[in-house]
Amino acid sequence: MDLHNPLLIPLGAFVMVIVIVAIAHMTKMREKELQAHQDLRLREMEHERKMKEMEIEKSKLELEKAREVKRT
């Protein structure tokens, strides 16, 4: 292979640009993926909190019903 080939430098620069763009794109995609996972986890935690609140409210209503039945 001839290292003095005039196409070698432009070709190398072109390949380097492609590699840099690919790395930047992969980094951006990874950030989006991590953000999506974080958003999903936050939604799961919010859902879990709401379910616990509903369970507490249900228990309160059942306790109130039991007290009403006991009074009558």
Protein backbone atom coordinates (compact mmCIF):
# COMPACT_ATOMS: atom_id res chain seq x y z
CA MET A 1 0.00 0.00 0.00
CA ASP A 2 1.39 3.35 -1.00
CA LEU A 3 1.33 5.81 1.94
CA HIS A 4 1.89 8.71 -0.45
CA ASN A 5 -1.42 8.17 -2.23
CA PRO A 6 -3.15 11.58 -2.58
CA LEU A 7 -6.55 10.04 -1.78
CA LEU A 8 -5.43 8.69 1.58
CA ILE A 9 -5.72 11.97 3.56
CA PRO A 10 -9.16 13.03 2.25
CA LEU A 11 -10.44 9.48 2.67
CA GLY A 12 -9.09 9.35 6.23
CA ALA A 13 -10.70 12.71 7.03
CA PHE A 14 -14.01 11.52 5.60
CA VAL A 15 -13.90 8.32 7.66
CA MET A 16 -13.03 10.31 10.79
CA VAL A 17 -16.04 12.61 10.26
CA ILE A 18 -18.31 9.59 9.83
CA VAL A 19 -16.96 8.03 13.03
CA ILE A 20 -17.42 11.28 14.99
CA VAL A 21 -20.99 11.70 13.73
CA ALA A 22 -21.77 8.06 14.56
CA ILE A 23 -20.41 8.44 18.10
CA ALA A 24 -22.38 11.67 18.63
CA HIS A 25 -25.54 10.00 17.32
CA MET A 26 -25.06 6.95 19.55
CA THR A 27 -24.51 9.22 22.56
CA LYS A 28 -27.68 11.16 21.82
CA MET A 29 -29.69 7.95 21.37
CA ARG A 30 -28.33 6.59 24.66
CA GLU A 31 -29.36 9.80 26.45
CA LYS A 32 -32.87 9.49 25.00
CA GLU A 33 -33.04 5.86 26.07
CA LEU A 34 -31.95 6.71 29.61
CA GLN A 35 -34.50 9.56 29.74
CA ALA A 36 -37.25 7.18 28.58
CA HIS A 37 -36.32 4.68 31.30
CA GLN A 38 -36.30 7.45 33.90
CA ASP A 39 -39.72 8.70 32.76
CA LEU A 40 -41.10 5.16 32.87
CA ARG A 41 -39.76 4.65 36.39
CA LEU A 42 -41.31 7.95 37.53
CA ARG A 43 -44.67 6.92 36.06
CA GLU A 44 -44.41 3.55 37.79
CA MET A 45 -43.67 5.23 41.11
CA GLU A 46 -46.58 7.65 40.64
CA HIS A 47 -48.90 4.76 39.82
CA GLU A 48 -47.72 2.85 42.89
CA ARG A 49 -48.32 5.91 45.08
CA LYS A 50 -51.85 6.34 43.69
CA MET A 51 -52.62 2.66 44.23
CA LYS A 52 -51.48 2.91 47.86
CA GLU A 53 -53.63 6.01 48.34
CA MET A 54 -56.62 4.16 46.89
CA GLU A 55 -55.97 1.19 49.17
CA ILE A 56 -55.80 3.48 52.20
CA GLU A 57 -59.03 5.19 51.13
CA LYS A 58 -60.69 1.80 50.62
CA SER A 59 -59.59 0.69 54.09
CA LYS A 60 -60.98 3.88 55.59
CA LEU A 61 -64.33 3.33 53.87
CA GLU A 62 -64.46 -0.29 55.01
CA LEU A 63 -63.66 0.77 58.58
CA GLU A 64 -66.35 3.44 58.42
CA LYS A 65 -68.87 0.87 57.12
CA ALA A 66 -67.92 -1.55 59.88
CA ARG A 67 -68.47 1.17 62.49
CA GLU A 68 -71.86 2.02 61.00
CA VAL A 69 -72.91 -1.64 61.03
CA LYS A 70 -71.69 -1.96 64.61
CA ARG A 71 -73.73 1.10 65.72
CA THR A 72 -76.97 -0.25 64.29
